């Protein structure tokens, strides 16, 4: 039985993350993924550039991209696929999360 990776990225997401990382200084280690209590459904994803690794971070490395998953987010994002979506004038990261039990109408928050 294969182990489920905490988070995977589609090729579109990899391309976009690489592009964003290339525009930052060389001290950026990677992209930090977390969750916060917000929105009408409870939880929302957070993403930010990070220059440091915390002792309890989960590290996902794929194709020269480093994701640092906050320890308090691991149980909520385990098995999630991150994608980059471009539709008309909108573009955004999307998350296909097998742990989600529901999502708000505007798509900004979810619950597990």
PDB file of N, CA and C in Angstrom:
ATOM      1  N   UNK A   1       0.837  -1.182   0.000  1.00  0.00           N
ATOM      2  CA  UNK A   1       0.000   0.000   0.000  1.00  0.00           C
ATOM      3  C   UNK A   1       0.881   1.244   0.000  1.00  0.00           C
ATOM      4  N   UNK A   2       0.600   2.204  -0.902  1.00  0.00           N
ATOM      5  CA  UNK A   2       1.439   3.389  -0.991  1.00  0.00           C
ATOM      6  C   UNK A   2       0.995   4.444   0.012  1.00  0.00           C
ATOM      7  N   UNK A   3       1.955   5.220   0.455  1.00  0.00           N
ATOM      8  CA  UNK A   3       1.698   6.280   1.420  1.00  0.00           C
ATOM      9  C   UNK A   3       1.103   7.482   0.686  1.00  0.00           C
ATOM     10  N   UNK A   4       0.088   8.103   1.258  1.00  0.00           N
ATOM     11  CA  UNK A   4      -0.512   9.293   0.674  1.00  0.00           C
ATOM     12  C   UNK A   4       0.386  10.479   0.979  1.00  0.00           C
ATOM     13  N   UNK A   5       0.750  11.212  -0.062  1.00  0.00           N
ATOM     14  CA  UNK A   5       1.558  12.409   0.141  1.00  0.00           C
ATOM     15  C   UNK A   5       0.661  13.502   0.711  1.00  0.00           C
ATOM     16  N   UNK A   6       1.189  14.280   1.622  1.00  0.00           N
ATOM     17  CA  UNK A   6       0.410  15.319   2.285  1.00  0.00           C
ATOM     18  C   UNK A   6      -0.213  16.257   1.258  1.00  0.00           C
ATOM     19  N   UNK A   7       0.583  16.692   0.283  1.00  0.00           N
ATOM     20  CA  UNK A   7       0.054  17.580  -0.747  1.00  0.00           C
ATOM     21  C   UNK A   7       0.800  17.332  -2.042  1.00  0.00           C
ATOM     22  N   UNK A   8       0.051  17.332  -3.141  1.00  0.00           N
ATOM     23  CA  UNK A   8       0.643  17.220  -4.468  1.00  0.00           C
ATOM     24  C   UNK A   8       0.291  18.464  -5.270  1.00  0.00           C
ATOM     25  N   UNK A   9       1.052  18.701  -6.318  1.00  0.00           N
ATOM     26  CA  UNK A   9       0.820  19.845  -7.184  1.00  0.00           C
ATOM     27  C   UNK A   9       0.660  19.364  -8.617  1.00  0.00           C
ATOM     28  N   UNK A  10      -0.304  19.941  -9.325  1.00  0.00           N
ATOM     29  CA  UNK A  10      -0.428  19.661 -10.745  1.00  0.00           C
ATOM     30  C   UNK A  10       0.698  20.391 -11.480  1.00  0.00           C
ATOM     31  N   UNK A  11       0.880  20.085 -12.749  1.00  0.00           N
ATOM     32  CA  UNK A  11       1.910  20.771 -13.528  1.00  0.00           C
ATOM     33  C   UNK A  11       1.639  22.269 -13.584  1.00  0.00           C
ATOM     34  N   UNK A  12       0.358  22.649 -13.696  1.00  0.00           N
ATOM     35  CA  UNK A  12       0.004  24.067 -13.715  1.00  0.00           C
ATOM     36  C   UNK A  12       0.387  24.766 -12.428  1.00  0.00           C
ATOM     37  N   UNK A  13       0.143  24.126 -11.298  1.00  0.00           N
ATOM     38  CA  UNK A  13       0.506  24.696 -10.003  1.00  0.00           C
ATOM     39  C   UNK A  13       2.023  24.789  -9.868  1.00  0.00           C
ATOM     40  N   UNK A  14       2.727  23.761 -10.306  1.00  0.00           N
ATOM     41  CA  UNK A  14       4.198  23.799 -10.244  1.00  0.00           C
ATOM     42  C   UNK A  14       4.740  24.966 -11.048  1.00  0.00           C
ATOM     43  N   UNK A  15       4.224  25.148 -12.260  1.00  0.00           N
ATOM     44  CA  UNK A  15       4.688  26.246 -13.106  1.00  0.00           C
ATOM     45  C   UNK A  15       4.446  27.592 -12.441  1.00  0.00           C
ATOM     46  N   UNK A  16       3.261  27.764 -11.854  1.00  0.00           N
ATOM     47  CA  UNK A  16       2.929  29.040 -11.218  1.00  0.00           C
ATOM     48  C   UNK A  16       3.767  29.286  -9.970  1.00  0.00           C
ATOM     49  N   UNK A  17       3.953  28.263  -9.150  1.00  0.00           N
ATOM     50  CA  UNK A  17       4.779  28.417  -7.943  1.00  0.00           C
ATOM     51  C   UNK A  17       6.213  28.742  -8.329  1.00  0.00           C
ATOM     52  N   UNK A  18       6.751  28.045  -9.332  1.00  0.00           N
ATOM     53  CA  UNK A  18       8.114  28.344  -9.799  1.00  0.00           C
ATOM     54  C   UNK A  18       8.221  29.802 -10.232  1.00  0.00           C
ATOM     55  N   UNK A  19       7.230  30.269 -10.977  1.00  0.00           N
ATOM     56  CA  UNK A  19       7.229  31.651 -11.449  1.00  0.00           C
ATOM     57  C   UNK A  19       7.211  32.630 -10.278  1.00  0.00           C
ATOM     58  N   UNK A  20       6.377  32.374  -9.295  1.00  0.00           N
ATOM     59  CA  UNK A  20       6.301  33.249  -8.128  1.00  0.00           C
ATOM     60  C   UNK A  20       7.588  33.229  -7.319  1.00  0.00           C
ATOM     61  N   UNK A  21       8.163  32.040  -7.141  1.00  0.00           N
ATOM     62  CA  UNK A  21       9.404  31.926  -6.373  1.00  0.00           C
ATOM     63  C   UNK A  21      10.567  32.616  -7.076  1.00  0.00           C
ATOM     64  N   UNK A  22      10.577  32.569  -8.409  1.00  0.00           N
ATOM     65  CA  UNK A  22      11.674  33.179  -9.158  1.00  0.00           C
ATOM     66  C   UNK A  22      11.678  34.698  -9.021  1.00  0.00           C
ATOM     67  N   UNK A  23      10.558  35.295  -8.639  1.00  0.00           N
ATOM     68  CA  UNK A  23      10.441  36.741  -8.490  1.00  0.00           C
ATOM     69  C   UNK A  23      10.817  37.210  -7.094  1.00  0.00           C
ATOM     70  N   UNK A  24      11.143  36.283  -6.198  1.00  0.00           N
ATOM     71  CA  UNK A  24      11.522  36.624  -4.833  1.00  0.00           C
ATOM     72  C   UNK A  24      13.030  36.497  -4.666  1.00  0.00           C
ATOM     73  N   UNK A  25      13.511  37.008  -3.546  1.00  0.00           N
ATOM     74  CA  UNK A  25      14.953  36.938  -3.316  1.00  0.00           C
ATOM     75  C   UNK A  25      15.406  35.505  -3.051  1.00  0.00           C
ATOM     76  N   UNK A  26      16.689  35.302  -3.111  1.00  0.00           N
ATOM     77  CA  UNK A  26      17.263  33.957  -2.992  1.00  0.00           C
ATOM     78  C   UNK A  26      17.097  33.346  -1.607  1.00  0.00           C
ATOM     79  N   UNK A  27      16.719  34.137  -0.620  1.00  0.00           N
ATOM     80  CA  UNK A  27      16.574  33.627   0.738  1.00  0.00           C
ATOM     81  C   UNK A  27      15.252  32.914   0.974  1.00  0.00           C
ATOM     82  N   UNK A  28      14.331  32.977   0.002  1.00  0.00           N
ATOM     83  CA  UNK A  28      13.045  32.302   0.160  1.00  0.00           C
ATOM     84  C   UNK A  28      13.267  30.803   0.034  1.00  0.00           C
ATOM     85  N   UNK A  29      12.870  30.078   1.074  1.00  0.00           N
ATOM     86  CA  UNK A  29      13.029  28.627   1.107  1.00  0.00           C
ATOM     87  C   UNK A  29      11.940  27.932   0.302  1.00  0.00           C
ATOM     88  N   UNK A  30      10.730  28.451   0.400  1.00  0.00           N
ATOM     89  CA  UNK A  30       9.626  27.819  -0.300  1.00  0.00           C
ATOM     90  C   UNK A  30       8.311  28.492   0.024  1.00  0.00           C
ATOM     91  N   UNK A  31       7.245  27.754  -0.187  1.00  0.00           N
ATOM     92  CA  UNK A  31       5.893  28.251   0.032  1.00  0.00           C
ATOM     93  C   UNK A  31       5.303  27.564   1.256  1.00  0.00           C
ATOM     94  N   UNK A  32       4.876  28.369   2.245  1.00  0.00           N
ATOM     95  CA  UNK A  32       4.264  27.824   3.448  1.00  0.00           C
ATOM     96  C   UNK A  32       2.756  27.707   3.237  1.00  0.00           C
ATOM     97  N   UNK A  33       2.226  26.514   3.501  1.00  0.00           N
ATOM     98  CA  UNK A  33       0.794  26.242   3.390  1.00  0.00           C
ATOM     99  C   UNK A  33       0.245  26.034   4.792  1.00  0.00           C
ATOM    100  N   UNK A  34      -0.852  26.694   5.072  1.00  0.00           N
ATOM    101  CA  UNK A  34      -1.494  26.538   6.375  1.00  0.00           C
ATOM    102  C   UNK A  34      -2.997  26.680   6.235  1.00  0.00           C
ATOM    103  N   UNK A  35      -3.654  26.717   7.354  1.00  0.00           N
ATOM    104  CA  UNK A  35      -5.097  26.964   7.389  1.00  0.00           C
ATOM    105  C   UNK A  35      -5.379  27.988   8.470  1.00  0.00           C
ATOM    106  N   UNK A  36      -6.496  28.652   8.329  1.00  0.00           N
ATOM    107  CA  UNK A  36      -6.924  29.603   9.336  1.00  0.00           C
ATOM    108  C   UNK A  36      -8.429  29.464   9.528  1.00  0.00           C
ATOM    109  N   UNK A  37      -8.903  29.811  10.710  1.00  0.00           N
ATOM    110  CA  UNK A  37     -10.342  29.817  10.979  1.00  0.00           C
ATOM    111  C   UNK A  37     -10.915  31.100  10.409  1.00  0.00           C
ATOM    112  N   UNK A  38     -11.763  30.953   9.396  1.00  0.00           N
ATOM    113  CA  UNK A  38     -12.331  32.125   8.744  1.00  0.00           C
ATOM    114  C   UNK A  38     -13.501  31.728   7.862  1.00  0.00           C
ATOM    115  N   UNK A  39     -14.139  32.711   7.302  1.00  0.00           N
ATOM    116  CA  UNK A  39     -15.181  32.469   6.318  1.00  0.00           C
ATOM    117  C   UNK A  39     -16.454  31.917   6.924  1.00  0.00           C
ATOM    118  N   UNK A  40     -17.398  31.640   6.051  1.00  0.00           N
ATOM    119  CA  UNK A  40     -18.703  31.179   6.503  1.00  0.00           C
ATOM    120  C   UNK A  40     -18.743  29.673   6.746  1.00  0.00           C
ATOM    121  N   UNK A  41     -17.682  28.965   6.390  1.00  0.00           N
ATOM    122  CA  UNK A  41     -17.687  27.517   6.558  1.00  0.00           C
ATOM    123  C   UNK A  41     -16.592  27.015   7.483  1.00  0.00           C
ATOM    124  N   UNK A  42     -15.780  27.912   8.046  1.00  0.00           N
ATOM    125  CA  UNK A  42     -14.867  27.498   9.097  1.00  0.00           C
ATOM    126  C   UNK A  42     -13.389  27.592   8.825  1.00  0.00           C
ATOM    127  N   UNK A  43     -12.880  27.020   7.721  1.00  0.00           N
ATOM    128  CA  UNK A  43     -11.446  26.977   7.472  1.00  0.00           C
ATOM    129  C   UNK A  43     -11.125  27.549   6.094  1.00  0.00           C
ATOM    130  N   UNK A  44      -9.947  28.132   5.989  1.00  0.00           N
ATOM    131  CA  UNK A  44      -9.486  28.654   4.711  1.00  0.00           C
ATOM    132  C   UNK A  44      -7.993  28.370   4.591  1.00  0.00           C
ATOM    133  N   UNK A  45      -7.528  28.172   3.365  1.00  0.00           N
ATOM    134  CA  UNK A  45      -6.112  27.917   3.119  1.00  0.00           C
ATOM    135  C   UNK A  45      -5.333  29.221   3.200  1.00  0.00           C
ATOM    136  N   UNK A  46      -4.102  29.130   3.685  1.00  0.00           N
ATOM    137  CA  UNK A  46      -3.193  30.265   3.662  1.00  0.00           C
ATOM    138  C   UNK A  46      -1.933  29.843   2.916  1.00  0.00           C
ATOM    139  N   UNK A  47      -1.341  30.778   2.219  1.00  0.00           N
ATOM    140  CA  UNK A  47      -0.079  30.545   1.510  1.00  0.00           C
ATOM    141  C   UNK A  47       0.771  31.790   1.650  1.00  0.00           C
ATOM    142  N   UNK A  48       2.040  31.578   1.910  1.00  0.00           N
ATOM    143  CA  UNK A  48       2.958  32.697   2.032  1.00  0.00           C
ATOM    144  C   UNK A  48       4.372  32.191   1.746  1.00  0.00           C
ATOM    145  N   UNK A  49       5.212  33.085   1.275  1.00  0.00           N
ATOM    146  CA  UNK A  49       6.612  32.731   1.087  1.00  0.00           C
ATOM    147  C   UNK A  49       7.264  32.641   2.455  1.00  0.00           C
ATOM    148  N   UNK A  50       8.211  31.726   2.590  1.00  0.00           N
ATOM    149  CA  UNK A  50       8.883  31.592   3.876  1.00  0.00           C
ATOM    150  C   UNK A  50      10.390  31.487   3.676  1.00  0.00           C
ATOM    151  N   UNK A  51      11.095  32.028   4.627  1.00  0.00           N
ATOM    152  CA  UNK A  51      12.555  31.969   4.616  1.00  0.00           C
ATOM    153  C   UNK A  51      13.083  31.028   5.684  1.00  0.00           C
ATOM    154  N   UNK A  52      12.165  30.447   6.470  1.00  0.00           N
ATOM    155  CA  UNK A  52      12.617  29.571   7.554  1.00  0.00           C
ATOM    156  C   UNK A  52      11.767  28.312   7.644  1.00  0.00           C
ATOM    157  N   UNK A  53      12.375  27.293   8.221  1.00  0.00           N
ATOM    158  CA  UNK A  53      11.710  26.018   8.462  1.00  0.00           C
ATOM    159  C   UNK A  53      11.487  25.893   9.959  1.00  0.00           C
ATOM    160  N   UNK A  54      10.278  25.488  10.322  1.00  0.00           N
ATOM    161  CA  UNK A  54       9.968  25.240  11.730  1.00  0.00           C
ATOM    162  C   UNK A  54      10.192  23.763  12.023  1.00  0.00           C
ATOM    163  N   UNK A  55      10.519  23.457  13.246  1.00  0.00           N
ATOM    164  CA  UNK A  55      10.847  22.083  13.623  1.00  0.00           C
ATOM    165  C   UNK A  55       9.715  21.104  13.341  1.00  0.00           C
ATOM    166  N   UNK A  56       8.463  21.561  13.431  1.00  0.00           N
ATOM    167  CA  UNK A  56       7.341  20.646  13.247  1.00  0.00           C
ATOM    168  C   UNK A  56       6.661  20.768  11.875  1.00  0.00           C
ATOM    169  N   UNK A  57       7.300  21.467  10.943  1.00  0.00           N
ATOM    170  CA  UNK A  57       6.768  21.545   9.577  1.00  0.00           C
ATOM    171  C   UNK A  57       6.846  20.195   8.890  1.00  0.00           C
ATOM    172  N   UNK A  58       5.869  19.914   8.057  1.00  0.00           N
ATOM    173  CA  UNK A  58       5.966  18.784   7.128  1.00  0.00           C
ATOM    174  C   UNK A  58       6.507  19.365   5.823  1.00  0.00           C
ATOM    175  N   UNK A  59       7.475  18.697   5.241  1.00  0.00           N
ATOM    176  CA  UNK A  59       8.124  19.197   4.031  1.00  0.00           C
ATOM    177  C   UNK A  59       7.692  18.344   2.836  1.00  0.00           C
ATOM    178  N   UNK A  60       7.244  19.023   1.787  1.00  0.00           N
ATOM    179  CA  UNK A  60       6.927  18.366   0.524  1.00  0.00           C
ATOM    180  C   UNK A  60       7.847  18.976  -0.517  1.00  0.00           C
ATOM    181  N   UNK A  61       8.690  18.144  -1.123  1.00  0.00           N
ATOM    182  CA  UNK A  61       9.595  18.615  -2.165  1.00  0.00           C
ATOM    183  C   UNK A  61       9.253  17.899  -3.457  1.00  0.00           C
ATOM    184  N   UNK A  62       9.024  18.681  -4.501  1.00  0.00           N
ATOM    185  CA  UNK A  62       8.694  18.118  -5.799  1.00  0.00           C
ATOM    186  C   UNK A  62       9.209  19.033  -6.893  1.00  0.00           C
ATOM    187  N   UNK A  63       9.985  18.495  -7.797  1.00  0.00           N
ATOM    188  CA  UNK A  63      10.498  19.256  -8.939  1.00  0.00           C
ATOM    189  C   UNK A  63      11.075  20.605  -8.534  1.00  0.00           C
ATOM    190  N   UNK A  64      11.983  20.588  -7.566  1.00  0.00           N
ATOM    191  CA  UNK A  64      12.690  21.773  -7.081  1.00  0.00           C
ATOM    192  C   UNK A  64      11.788  22.795  -6.400  1.00  0.00           C
ATOM    193  N   UNK A  65      10.601  22.383  -5.993  1.00  0.00           N
ATOM    194  CA  UNK A  65       9.680  23.236  -5.252  1.00  0.00           C
ATOM    195  C   UNK A  65       9.562  22.673  -3.845  1.00  0.00           C
ATOM    196  N   UNK A  66       9.653  23.561  -2.854  1.00  0.00           N
ATOM    197  CA  UNK A  66       9.515  23.148  -1.467  1.00  0.00           C
ATOM    198  C   UNK A  66       8.256  23.764  -0.882  1.00  0.00           C
ATOM    199  N   UNK A  67       7.378  22.896  -0.401  1.00  0.00           N
ATOM    200  CA  UNK A  67       6.211  23.329   0.359  1.00  0.00           C
ATOM    201  C   UNK A  67       6.463  22.989   1.812  1.00  0.00           C
ATOM    202  N   UNK A  68       6.194  23.920   2.689  1.00  0.00           N
ATOM    203  CA  UNK A  68       6.299  23.696   4.122  1.00  0.00           C
ATOM    204  C   UNK A  68       4.883  23.760   4.674  1.00  0.00           C
ATOM    205  N   UNK A  69       4.409  22.636   5.181  1.00  0.00           N
ATOM    206  CA  UNK A  69       3.038  22.540   5.667  1.00  0.00           C
ATOM    207  C   UNK A  69       3.041  22.743   7.178  1.00  0.00           C
ATOM    208  N   UNK A  70       2.305  23.759   7.635  1.00  0.00           N
ATOM    209  CA  UNK A  70       2.199  23.999   9.077  1.00  0.00           C
ATOM    210  C   UNK A  70       1.701  22.744   9.770  1.00  0.00           C
ATOM    211  N   UNK A  71       2.264  22.444  10.908  1.00  0.00           N
ATOM    212  CA  UNK A  71       1.895  21.218  11.623  1.00  0.00           C
ATOM    213  C   UNK A  71       0.409  21.180  11.969  1.00  0.00           C
ATOM    214  N   UNK A  72      -0.184  22.336  12.273  1.00  0.00           N
ATOM    215  CA  UNK A  72      -1.604  22.344  12.620  1.00  0.00           C
ATOM    216  C   UNK A  72      -2.515  22.183  11.405  1.00  0.00           C
ATOM    217  N   UNK A  73      -1.955  22.229  10.201  1.00  0.00           N
ATOM    218  CA  UNK A  73      -2.747  22.076   8.973  1.00  0.00           C
ATOM    219  C   UNK A  73      -2.679  20.659   8.406  1.00  0.00           C
ATOM    220  N   UNK A  74      -1.716  19.864   8.831  1.00  0.00           N
ATOM    221  CA  UNK A  74      -1.471  18.557   8.224  1.00  0.00           C
ATOM    222  C   UNK A  74      -2.730  17.689   8.192  1.00  0.00           C
ATOM    223  N   UNK A  75      -3.418  17.575   9.301  1.00  0.00           N
ATOM    224  CA  UNK A  75      -4.595  16.702   9.336  1.00  0.00           C
ATOM    225  C   UNK A  75      -5.709  17.190   8.418  1.00  0.00           C
ATOM    226  N   UNK A  76      -5.750  18.482   8.133  1.00  0.00           N
ATOM    227  CA  UNK A  76      -6.804  19.039   7.291  1.00  0.00           C
ATOM    228  C   UNK A  76      -6.472  18.995   5.797  1.00  0.00           C
ATOM    229  N   UNK A  77      -5.185  18.973   5.449  1.00  0.00           N
ATOM    230  CA  UNK A  77      -4.798  19.021   4.029  1.00  0.00           C
ATOM    231  C   UNK A  77      -4.199  17.718   3.518  1.00  0.00           C
ATOM    232  N   UNK A  78      -4.085  16.713   4.358  1.00  0.00           N
ATOM    233  CA  UNK A  78      -3.468  15.458   3.952  1.00  0.00           C
ATOM    234  C   UNK A  78      -4.173  14.874   2.718  1.00  0.00           C
ATOM    235  N   UNK A  79      -3.418  14.658   1.655  1.00  0.00           N
ATOM    236  CA  UNK A  79      -3.958  14.093   0.423  1.00  0.00           C
ATOM    237  C   UNK A  79      -4.467  15.127  -0.569  1.00  0.00           C
ATOM    238  N   UNK A  80      -4.286  16.411  -0.280  1.00  0.00           N
ATOM    239  CA  UNK A  80      -4.806  17.489  -1.119  1.00  0.00           C
ATOM    240  C   UNK A  80      -3.955  17.701  -2.368  1.00  0.00           C
ATOM    241  N   UNK A  81      -4.634  17.987  -3.478  1.00  0.00           N
ATOM    242  CA  UNK A  81      -3.957  18.351  -4.724  1.00  0.00           C
ATOM    243  C   UNK A  81      -4.169  19.843  -4.969  1.00  0.00           C
ATOM    244  N   UNK A  82      -3.082  20.555  -5.177  1.00  0.00           N
ATOM    245  CA  UNK A  82      -3.130  21.980  -5.449  1.00  0.00           C
ATOM    246  C   UNK A  82      -2.995  22.190  -6.950  1.00  0.00           C
ATOM    247  N   UNK A  83      -3.831  23.054  -7.508  1.00  0.00           N
ATOM    248  CA  UNK A  83      -3.816  23.320  -8.946  1.00  0.00           C
ATOM    249  C   UNK A  83      -3.824  24.828  -9.166  1.00  0.00           C
ATOM    250  N   UNK A  84      -3.460  25.248 -10.374  1.00  0.00           N
ATOM    251  CA  UNK A  84      -3.540  26.643 -10.776  1.00  0.00           C
ATOM    252  C   UNK A  84      -4.593  26.723 -11.865  1.00  0.00           C
ATOM    253  N   UNK A  85      -5.602  27.553 -11.652  1.00  0.00           N
ATOM    254  CA  UNK A  85      -6.730  27.635 -12.558  1.00  0.00           C
ATOM    255  C   UNK A  85      -6.800  29.025 -13.177  1.00  0.00           C
ATOM    256  N   UNK A  86      -6.936  29.075 -14.488  1.00  0.00           N
ATOM    257  CA  UNK A  86      -7.137  30.333 -15.198  1.00  0.00           C
ATOM    258  C   UNK A  86      -8.424  30.213 -15.992  1.00  0.00           C
ATOM    259  N   UNK A  87      -9.396  31.071 -15.650  1.00  0.00           N
ATOM    260  CA  UNK A  87     -10.688  31.088 -16.314  1.00  0.00           C
ATOM    261  C   UNK A  87     -11.035  32.537 -16.648  1.00  0.00           C
ATOM    262  N   UNK A  88     -11.072  32.862 -17.926  1.00  0.00           N
ATOM    263  CA  UNK A  88     -11.380  34.233 -18.317  1.00  0.00           C
ATOM    264  C   UNK A  88     -10.415  35.209 -17.680  1.00  0.00           C
ATOM    265  N   UNK A  89     -10.954  36.139 -16.920  1.00  0.00           N
ATOM    266  CA  UNK A  89     -10.123  37.152 -16.255  1.00  0.00           C
ATOM    267  C   UNK A  89      -9.695  36.739 -14.856  1.00  0.00           C
ATOM    268  N   UNK A  90     -10.103  35.560 -14.418  1.00  0.00           N
ATOM    269  CA  UNK A  90      -9.763  35.089 -13.072  1.00  0.00           C
ATOM    270  C   UNK A  90      -8.648  34.057 -13.123  1.00  0.00           C
ATOM    271  N   UNK A  91      -7.778  34.109 -12.147  1.00  0.00           N
ATOM    272  CA  UNK A  91      -6.759  33.077 -11.972  1.00  0.00           C
ATOM    273  C   UNK A  91      -6.542  32.899 -10.479  1.00  0.00           C
ATOM    274  N   UNK A  92      -6.353  31.628 -10.076  1.00  0.00           N
ATOM    275  CA  UNK A  92      -6.200  31.351  -8.647  1.00  0.00           C
ATOM    276  C   UNK A  92      -5.705  29.918  -8.433  1.00  0.00           C
ATOM    277  N   UNK A  93      -5.168  29.701  -7.237  1.00  0.00           N
ATOM    278  CA  UNK A  93      -4.856  28.350  -6.824  1.00  0.00           C
ATOM    279  C   UNK A  93      -6.146  27.700  -6.347  1.00  0.00           C
ATOM    280  N   UNK A  94      -6.312  26.427  -6.665  1.00  0.00           N
ATOM    281  CA  UNK A  94      -7.450  25.666  -6.178  1.00  0.00           C
ATOM    282  C   UNK A  94      -6.923  24.455  -5.417  1.00  0.00           C
ATOM    283  N   UNK A  95      -7.756  23.913  -4.544  1.00  0.00           N
ATOM    284  CA  UNK A  95      -7.363  22.780  -3.717  1.00  0.00           C
ATOM    285  C   UNK A  95      -8.433  21.702  -3.821  1.00  0.00           C
ATOM    286  N   UNK A  96      -8.033  20.522  -4.244  1.00  0.00           N
ATOM    287  CA  UNK A  96      -8.925  19.355  -4.276  1.00  0.00           C
ATOM    288  C   UNK A  96      -8.581  18.538  -3.042  1.00  0.00           C
ATOM    289  N   UNK A  97      -9.414  18.679  -2.004  1.00  0.00           N
ATOM    290  CA  UNK A  97      -9.110  18.128  -0.699  1.00  0.00           C
ATOM    291  C   UNK A  97     -10.077  16.989  -0.368  1.00  0.00           C
ATOM    292  N   UNK A  98      -9.561  15.752  -0.245  1.00  0.00           N
ATOM    293  CA  UNK A  98     -10.437  14.618   0.054  1.00  0.00           C
ATOM    294  C   UNK A  98     -11.037  14.666   1.461  1.00  0.00           C
ATOM    295  N   UNK A  99     -10.533  15.547   2.309  1.00  0.00           N
ATOM    296  CA  UNK A  99     -11.024  15.669   3.681  1.00  0.00           C
ATOM    297  C   UNK A  99     -12.209  16.617   3.803  1.00  0.00           C
ATOM    298  N   UNK A 100     -12.445  17.415   2.777  1.00  0.00           N
ATOM    299  CA  UNK A 100     -13.540  18.384   2.827  1.00  0.00           C
ATOM    300  C   UNK A 100     -14.889  17.690   2.908  1.00  0.00           C
ATOM    301  N   UNK A 101     -15.736  18.205   3.773  1.00  0.00           N
ATOM    302  CA  UNK A 101     -17.115  17.720   3.891  1.00  0.00           C
ATOM    303  C   UNK A 101     -18.087  18.735   3.310  1.00  0.00           C
ATOM    304  N   UNK A 102     -17.619  19.967   3.113  1.00  0.00           N
ATOM    305  CA  UNK A 102     -18.459  21.005   2.551  1.00  0.00           C
ATOM    306  C   UNK A 102     -17.654  22.245   2.279  1.00  0.00           C
ATOM    307  N   UNK A 103     -18.192  23.094   1.395  1.00  0.00           N
ATOM    308  CA  UNK A 103     -17.530  24.324   0.998  1.00  0.00           C
ATOM    309  C   UNK A 103     -18.588  25.414   0.914  1.00  0.00           C
ATOM    310  N   UNK A 104     -18.216  26.630   1.245  1.00  0.00           N
ATOM    311  CA  UNK A 104     -19.177  27.718   1.162  1.00  0.00           C
ATOM    312  C   UNK A 104     -19.466  28.042  -0.297  1.00  0.00           C
ATOM    313  N   UNK A 105     -20.535  28.771  -0.524  1.00  0.00           N
ATOM    314  CA  UNK A 105     -20.969  29.093  -1.878  1.00  0.00           C
ATOM    315  C   UNK A 105     -19.958  29.871  -2.686  1.00  0.00           C
ATOM    316  N   UNK A 106     -19.205  30.757  -2.047  1.00  0.00           N
ATOM    317  CA  UNK A 106     -18.220  31.545  -2.791  1.00  0.00           C
ATOM    318  C   UNK A 106     -16.895  30.800  -2.949  1.00  0.00           C
ATOM    319  N   UNK A 107     -16.738  29.662  -2.262  1.00  0.00           N
ATOM    320  CA  UNK A 107     -15.541  28.849  -2.411  1.00  0.00           C
ATOM    321  C   UNK A 107     -14.348  29.295  -1.580  1.00  0.00           C
ATOM    322  N   UNK A 108     -14.539  30.258  -0.691  1.00  0.00           N
ATOM    323  CA  UNK A 108     -13.385  30.772   0.059  1.00  0.00           C
ATOM    324  C   UNK A 108     -13.108  29.986   1.343  1.00  0.00           C
ATOM    325  N   UNK A 109     -14.043  29.194   1.812  1.00  0.00           N
ATOM    326  CA  UNK A 109     -13.796  28.420   3.026  1.00  0.00           C
ATOM    327  C   UNK A 109     -14.425  27.047   2.925  1.00  0.00           C
ATOM    328  N   UNK A 110     -13.979  26.163   3.803  1.00  0.00           N
ATOM    329  CA  UNK A 110     -14.436  24.768   3.794  1.00  0.00           C
ATOM    330  C   UNK A 110     -14.507  24.238   5.211  1.00  0.00           C
ATOM    331  N   UNK A 111     -15.108  23.074   5.365  1.00  0.00           N
ATOM    332  CA  UNK A 111     -15.075  22.396   6.660  1.00  0.00           C
ATOM    333  C   UNK A 111     -14.784  20.905   6.427  1.00  0.00           C
ATOM    334  N   UNK A 112     -14.241  20.297   7.466  1.00  0.00           N
ATOM    335  CA  UNK A 112     -13.883  18.871   7.392  1.00  0.00           C
ATOM    336  C   UNK A 112     -14.682  18.087   8.393  1.00  0.00           C
TER     337      UNK A 112
END
